[in-house]
Amino acid sequence: MNKTMYVLSIVAGIFLPLGFLTGLLGVIVGGIPGTDSKSAFALFCILLIGVAVLQLWVFKRKRWL
């Protein structure tokens, strides 16, 4: 039971910030950064991948994974 909760906590720790960023920029309002740029989506995807890699690196460094 403890191992299962630990794994779920790690998964939530990885996906909650990513979900927050995608939800923040997924709201349809005026003034969203990058609406005029054609490469904004690609840059945002690269940012999300970078955040995930950074989180995994921190988790491995702290020996949580």
PDB file of N, CA and C in Angstrom:
ATOM      1  N   MET A   1       0.823  -1.184   0.000  1.00  0.00           N
ATOM      2  CA  MET A   1       0.000   0.000   0.000  1.00  0.00           C
ATOM      3  C   MET A   1       0.876   1.260   0.000  1.00  0.00           C
ATOM      4  N   ASN A   2       1.913   1.284   0.841  1.00  0.00           N
ATOM      5  CA  ASN A   2       2.801   2.440   0.889  1.00  0.00           C
ATOM      6  C   ASN A   2       3.546   2.639  -0.424  1.00  0.00           C
ATOM      7  N   LYS A   3       3.977   1.547  -1.040  1.00  0.00           N
ATOM      8  CA  LYS A   3       4.698   1.637  -2.316  1.00  0.00           C
ATOM      9  C   LYS A   3       3.785   2.188  -3.412  1.00  0.00           C
ATOM     10  N   THR A   4       2.541   1.758  -3.418  1.00  0.00           N
ATOM     11  CA  THR A   4       1.586   2.243  -4.409  1.00  0.00           C
ATOM     12  C   THR A   4       1.328   3.737  -4.227  1.00  0.00           C
ATOM     13  N   MET A   5       1.149   4.177  -3.015  1.00  0.00           N
ATOM     14  CA  MET A   5       0.925   5.601  -2.746  1.00  0.00           C
ATOM     15  C   MET A   5       2.157   6.431  -3.112  1.00  0.00           C
ATOM     16  N   TYR A   6       3.335   5.872  -2.877  1.00  0.00           N
ATOM     17  CA  TYR A   6       4.572   6.546  -3.230  1.00  0.00           C
ATOM     18  C   TYR A   6       4.660   6.760  -4.739  1.00  0.00           C
ATOM     19  N   VAL A   7       4.367   5.720  -5.504  1.00  0.00           N
ATOM     20  CA  VAL A   7       4.411   5.813  -6.962  1.00  0.00           C
ATOM     21  C   VAL A   7       3.363   6.809  -7.464  1.00  0.00           C
ATOM     22  N   LEU A   8       2.164   6.780  -6.913  1.00  0.00           N
ATOM     23  CA  LEU A   8       1.134   7.737  -7.319  1.00  0.00           C
ATOM     24  C   LEU A   8       1.534   9.168  -6.989  1.00  0.00           C
ATOM     25  N   SER A   9       2.207   9.374  -5.886  1.00  0.00           N
ATOM     26  CA  SER A   9       2.680  10.710  -5.523  1.00  0.00           C
ATOM     27  C   SER A   9       3.736  11.212  -6.500  1.00  0.00           C
ATOM     28  N   ILE A  10       4.624  10.331  -6.906  1.00  0.00           N
ATOM     29  CA  ILE A  10       5.656  10.709  -7.876  1.00  0.00           C
ATOM     30  C   ILE A  10       5.014  11.061  -9.212  1.00  0.00           C
ATOM     31  N   VAL A  11       4.075  10.258  -9.670  1.00  0.00           N
ATOM     32  CA  VAL A  11       3.383  10.529 -10.942  1.00  0.00           C
ATOM     33  C   VAL A  11       2.632  11.851 -10.865  1.00  0.00           C
ATOM     34  N   ALA A  12       1.947  12.100  -9.759  1.00  0.00           N
ATOM     35  CA  ALA A  12       1.229  13.364  -9.594  1.00  0.00           C
ATOM     36  C   ALA A  12       2.205  14.529  -9.555  1.00  0.00           C
ATOM     37  N   GLY A  13       3.344  14.351  -8.912  1.00  0.00           N
ATOM     38  CA  GLY A  13       4.345  15.409  -8.853  1.00  0.00           C
ATOM     39  C   GLY A  13       4.902  15.771 -10.211  1.00  0.00           C
ATOM     40  N   ILE A  14       4.909  14.827 -11.127  1.00  0.00           N
ATOM     41  CA  ILE A  14       5.391  15.097 -12.480  1.00  0.00           C
ATOM     42  C   ILE A  14       4.299  15.746 -13.327  1.00  0.00           C
ATOM     43  N   PHE A  15       3.086  15.215 -13.257  1.00  0.00           N
ATOM     44  CA  PHE A  15       2.048  15.665 -14.176  1.00  0.00           C
ATOM     45  C   PHE A  15       1.244  16.869 -13.709  1.00  0.00           C
ATOM     46  N   LEU A  16       1.203  17.175 -12.437  1.00  0.00           N
ATOM     47  CA  LEU A  16       0.445  18.343 -11.981  1.00  0.00           C
ATOM     48  C   LEU A  16       0.995  19.665 -12.524  1.00  0.00           C
ATOM     49  N   PRO A  17       2.311  19.915 -12.462  1.00  0.00           N
ATOM     50  CA  PRO A  17       2.805  21.168 -13.054  1.00  0.00           C
ATOM     51  C   PRO A  17       2.594  21.243 -14.563  1.00  0.00           C
ATOM     52  N   LEU A  18       2.735  20.110 -15.252  1.00  0.00           N
ATOM     53  CA  LEU A  18       2.508  20.102 -16.699  1.00  0.00           C
ATOM     54  C   LEU A  18       1.049  20.389 -17.020  1.00  0.00           C
ATOM     55  N   GLY A  19       0.143  19.801 -16.239  1.00  0.00           N
ATOM     56  CA  GLY A  19      -1.281  20.062 -16.430  1.00  0.00           C
ATOM     57  C   GLY A  19      -1.642  21.501 -16.123  1.00  0.00           C
ATOM     58  N   PHE A  20      -0.988  22.088 -15.128  1.00  0.00           N
ATOM     59  CA  PHE A  20      -1.237  23.492 -14.814  1.00  0.00           C
ATOM     60  C   PHE A  20      -0.822  24.390 -15.969  1.00  0.00           C
ATOM     61  N   LEU A  21       0.364  24.138 -16.534  1.00  0.00           N
ATOM     62  CA  LEU A  21       0.836  24.984 -17.644  1.00  0.00           C
ATOM     63  C   LEU A  21      -0.051  24.854 -18.873  1.00  0.00           C
ATOM     64  N   THR A  22      -0.448  23.638 -19.213  1.00  0.00           N
ATOM     65  CA  THR A  22      -1.304  23.470 -20.388  1.00  0.00           C
ATOM     66  C   THR A  22      -2.689  24.050 -20.133  1.00  0.00           C
ATOM     67  N   GLY A  23      -3.203  23.934 -18.929  1.00  0.00           N
ATOM     68  CA  GLY A  23      -4.499  24.521 -18.611  1.00  0.00           C
ATOM     69  C   GLY A  23      -4.449  26.032 -18.608  1.00  0.00           C
ATOM     70  N   LEU A  24      -3.342  26.583 -18.149  1.00  0.00           N
ATOM     71  CA  LEU A  24      -3.193  28.036 -18.102  1.00  0.00           C
ATOM     72  C   LEU A  24      -3.205  28.635 -19.493  1.00  0.00           C
ATOM     73  N   LEU A  25      -2.522  28.010 -20.422  1.00  0.00           N
ATOM     74  CA  LEU A  25      -2.482  28.536 -21.783  1.00  0.00           C
ATOM     75  C   LEU A  25      -3.610  27.990 -22.651  1.00  0.00           C
ATOM     76  N   GLY A  26      -4.405  27.078 -22.137  1.00  0.00           N
ATOM     77  CA  GLY A  26      -5.524  26.535 -22.897  1.00  0.00           C
ATOM     78  C   GLY A  26      -6.792  27.342 -22.746  1.00  0.00           C
ATOM     79  N   VAL A  27      -6.800  28.319 -21.853  1.00  0.00           N
ATOM     80  CA  VAL A  27      -7.973  29.155 -21.647  1.00  0.00           C
ATOM     81  C   VAL A  27      -8.086  30.117 -22.828  1.00  0.00           C
ATOM     82  N   ILE A  28      -9.279  30.226 -23.374  1.00  0.00           N
ATOM     83  CA  ILE A  28      -9.472  31.077 -24.545  1.00  0.00           C
ATOM     84  C   ILE A  28      -9.815  32.495 -24.081  1.00  0.00           C
ATOM     85  N   VAL A  29      -8.789  33.305 -23.963  1.00  0.00           N
ATOM     86  CA  VAL A  29      -8.942  34.716 -23.614  1.00  0.00           C
ATOM     87  C   VAL A  29      -7.979  35.522 -24.471  1.00  0.00           C
ATOM     88  N   GLY A  30      -8.218  36.799 -24.552  1.00  0.00           N
ATOM     89  CA  GLY A  30      -7.320  37.665 -25.296  1.00  0.00           C
ATOM     90  C   GLY A  30      -6.037  37.897 -24.525  1.00  0.00           C
ATOM     91  N   GLY A  31      -4.968  38.098 -25.253  1.00  0.00           N
ATOM     92  CA  GLY A  31      -3.697  38.410 -24.612  1.00  0.00           C
ATOM     93  C   GLY A  31      -2.848  37.214 -24.232  1.00  0.00           C
ATOM     94  N   ILE A  32      -3.175  36.025 -24.735  1.00  0.00           N
ATOM     95  CA  ILE A  32      -2.347  34.852 -24.450  1.00  0.00           C
ATOM     96  C   ILE A  32      -1.013  35.032 -25.177  1.00  0.00           C
ATOM     97  N   PRO A  33       0.101  34.838 -24.484  1.00  0.00           N
ATOM     98  CA  PRO A  33       1.397  34.983 -25.150  1.00  0.00           C
ATOM     99  C   PRO A  33       1.563  33.969 -26.279  1.00  0.00           C
ATOM    100  N   GLY A  34       2.094  34.426 -27.392  1.00  0.00           N
ATOM    101  CA  GLY A  34       2.402  33.543 -28.505  1.00  0.00           C
ATOM    102  C   GLY A  34       1.300  33.350 -29.522  1.00  0.00           C
ATOM    103  N   THR A  35       0.210  34.099 -29.430  1.00  0.00           N
ATOM    104  CA  THR A  35      -0.872  33.903 -30.392  1.00  0.00           C
ATOM    105  C   THR A  35      -0.491  34.391 -31.785  1.00  0.00           C
ATOM    106  N   ASP A  36       0.455  35.315 -31.876  1.00  0.00           N
ATOM    107  CA  ASP A  36       0.867  35.845 -33.171  1.00  0.00           C
ATOM    108  C   ASP A  36       2.011  35.064 -33.802  1.00  0.00           C
ATOM    109  N   SER A  37       2.660  34.222 -33.033  1.00  0.00           N
ATOM    110  CA  SER A  37       3.826  33.499 -33.515  1.00  0.00           C
ATOM    111  C   SER A  37       3.431  32.096 -33.983  1.00  0.00           C
ATOM    112  N   LYS A  38       3.971  31.701 -35.124  1.00  0.00           N
ATOM    113  CA  LYS A  38       3.692  30.360 -35.646  1.00  0.00           C
ATOM    114  C   LYS A  38       4.490  29.286 -34.909  1.00  0.00           C
ATOM    115  N   SER A  39       5.592  29.674 -34.288  1.00  0.00           N
ATOM    116  CA  SER A  39       6.425  28.693 -33.597  1.00  0.00           C
ATOM    117  C   SER A  39       6.126  28.625 -32.098  1.00  0.00           C
ATOM    118  N   ALA A  40       5.106  29.319 -31.627  1.00  0.00           N
ATOM    119  CA  ALA A  40       4.804  29.345 -30.192  1.00  0.00           C
ATOM    120  C   ALA A  40       4.410  27.960 -29.672  1.00  0.00           C
ATOM    121  N   PHE A  41       3.649  27.203 -30.442  1.00  0.00           N
ATOM    122  CA  PHE A  41       3.236  25.867 -29.996  1.00  0.00           C
ATOM    123  C   PHE A  41       4.437  24.942 -29.853  1.00  0.00           C
ATOM    124  N   ALA A  42       5.331  24.998 -30.826  1.00  0.00           N
ATOM    125  CA  ALA A  42       6.533  24.157 -30.753  1.00  0.00           C
ATOM    126  C   ALA A  42       7.405  24.559 -29.567  1.00  0.00           C
ATOM    127  N   LEU A  43       7.551  25.851 -29.325  1.00  0.00           N
ATOM    128  CA  LEU A  43       8.335  26.314 -28.188  1.00  0.00           C
ATOM    129  C   LEU A  43       7.688  25.905 -26.867  1.00  0.00           C
ATOM    130  N   PHE A  44       6.373  25.944 -26.807  1.00  0.00           N
ATOM    131  CA  PHE A  44       5.672  25.535 -25.599  1.00  0.00           C
ATOM    132  C   PHE A  44       5.840  24.037 -25.357  1.00  0.00           C
ATOM    133  N   CYS A  45       5.783  23.247 -26.409  1.00  0.00           N
ATOM    134  CA  CYS A  45       6.009  21.801 -26.271  1.00  0.00           C
ATOM    135  C   CYS A  45       7.429  21.520 -25.770  1.00  0.00           C
ATOM    136  N   ILE A  46       8.399  22.251 -26.290  1.00  0.00           N
ATOM    137  CA  ILE A  46       9.782  22.097 -25.841  1.00  0.00           C
ATOM    138  C   ILE A  46       9.905  22.504 -24.375  1.00  0.00           C
ATOM    139  N   LEU A  47       9.199  23.566 -23.980  1.00  0.00           N
ATOM    140  CA  LEU A  47       9.193  23.994 -22.583  1.00  0.00           C
ATOM    141  C   LEU A  47       8.629  22.906 -21.677  1.00  0.00           C
ATOM    142  N   LEU A  48       7.521  22.284 -22.091  1.00  0.00           N
ATOM    143  CA  LEU A  48       6.917  21.214 -21.292  1.00  0.00           C
ATOM    144  C   LEU A  48       7.856  20.017 -21.159  1.00  0.00           C
ATOM    145  N   ILE A  49       8.516  19.661 -22.237  1.00  0.00           N
ATOM    146  CA  ILE A  49       9.475  18.560 -22.191  1.00  0.00           C
ATOM    147  C   ILE A  49      10.633  18.914 -21.268  1.00  0.00           C
ATOM    148  N   GLY A  50      11.090  20.161 -21.346  1.00  0.00           N
ATOM    149  CA  GLY A  50      12.162  20.609 -20.463  1.00  0.00           C
ATOM    150  C   GLY A  50      11.771  20.561 -18.995  1.00  0.00           C
ATOM    151  N   VAL A  51      10.536  20.971 -18.690  1.00  0.00           N
ATOM    152  CA  VAL A  51      10.056  20.923 -17.305  1.00  0.00           C
ATOM    153  C   VAL A  51       9.995  19.480 -16.819  1.00  0.00           C
ATOM    154  N   ALA A  52       9.502  18.584 -17.655  1.00  0.00           N
ATOM    155  CA  ALA A  52       9.416  17.172 -17.268  1.00  0.00           C
ATOM    156  C   ALA A  52      10.803  16.572 -17.044  1.00  0.00           C
ATOM    157  N   VAL A  53      11.749  16.888 -17.918  1.00  0.00           N
ATOM    158  CA  VAL A  53      13.114  16.366 -17.765  1.00  0.00           C
ATOM    159  C   VAL A  53      13.753  16.930 -16.500  1.00  0.00           C
ATOM    160  N   LEU A  54      13.540  18.211 -16.235  1.00  0.00           N
ATOM    161  CA  LEU A  54      14.079  18.823 -15.024  1.00  0.00           C
ATOM    162  C   LEU A  54      13.494  18.178 -13.769  1.00  0.00           C
ATOM    163  N   GLN A  55      12.200  17.914 -13.781  1.00  0.00           N
ATOM    164  CA  GLN A  55      11.567  17.253 -12.635  1.00  0.00           C
ATOM    165  C   GLN A  55      12.129  15.853 -12.431  1.00  0.00           C
ATOM    166  N   LEU A  56      12.271  15.103 -13.503  1.00  0.00           N
ATOM    167  CA  LEU A  56      12.828  13.753 -13.391  1.00  0.00           C
ATOM    168  C   LEU A  56      14.255  13.791 -12.870  1.00  0.00           C
ATOM    169  N   TRP A  57      15.030  14.762 -13.330  1.00  0.00           N
ATOM    170  CA  TRP A  57      16.406  14.905 -12.860  1.00  0.00           C
ATOM    171  C   TRP A  57      16.443  15.204 -11.361  1.00  0.00           C
ATOM    172  N   VAL A  58      15.584  16.126 -10.916  1.00  0.00           N
ATOM    173  CA  VAL A  58      15.531  16.464  -9.490  1.00  0.00           C
ATOM    174  C   VAL A  58      15.097  15.250  -8.674  1.00  0.00           C
ATOM    175  N   PHE A  59      14.092  14.521  -9.157  1.00  0.00           N
ATOM    176  CA  PHE A  59      13.619  13.338  -8.435  1.00  0.00           C
ATOM    177  C   PHE A  59      14.715  12.282  -8.332  1.00  0.00           C
ATOM    178  N   LYS A  60      15.460  12.080  -9.417  1.00  0.00           N
ATOM    179  CA  LYS A  60      16.541  11.090  -9.374  1.00  0.00           C
ATOM    180  C   LYS A  60      17.669  11.560  -8.463  1.00  0.00           C
ATOM    181  N   ARG A  61      17.948  12.855  -8.478  1.00  0.00           N
ATOM    182  CA  ARG A  61      19.017  13.394  -7.636  1.00  0.00           C
ATOM    183  C   ARG A  61      18.676  13.248  -6.151  1.00  0.00           C
ATOM    184  N   LYS A  62      17.409  13.404  -5.821  1.00  0.00           N
ATOM    185  CA  LYS A  62      16.975  13.250  -4.429  1.00  0.00           C
ATOM    186  C   LYS A  62      16.692  11.793  -4.079  1.00  0.00           C
ATOM    187  N   ARG A  63      16.910  10.892  -5.044  1.00  0.00           N
ATOM    188  CA  ARG A  63      16.691   9.453  -4.877  1.00  0.00           C
ATOM    189  C   ARG A  63      15.248   9.113  -4.560  1.00  0.00           C
ATOM    190  N   TRP A  64      14.326   9.853  -5.190  1.00  0.00           N
ATOM    191  CA  TRP A  64      12.904   9.572  -5.039  1.00  0.00           C
ATOM    192  C   TRP A  64      12.432   8.571  -6.092  1.00  0.00           C
ATOM    193  N   LEU A  65      13.196   8.423  -7.155  1.00  0.00           N
ATOM    194  CA  LEU A  65      12.845   7.456  -8.205  1.00  0.00           C
ATOM    195  C   LEU A  65      13.781   6.279  -8.160  1.00  0.00           C
TER     196      LEU A  65
END
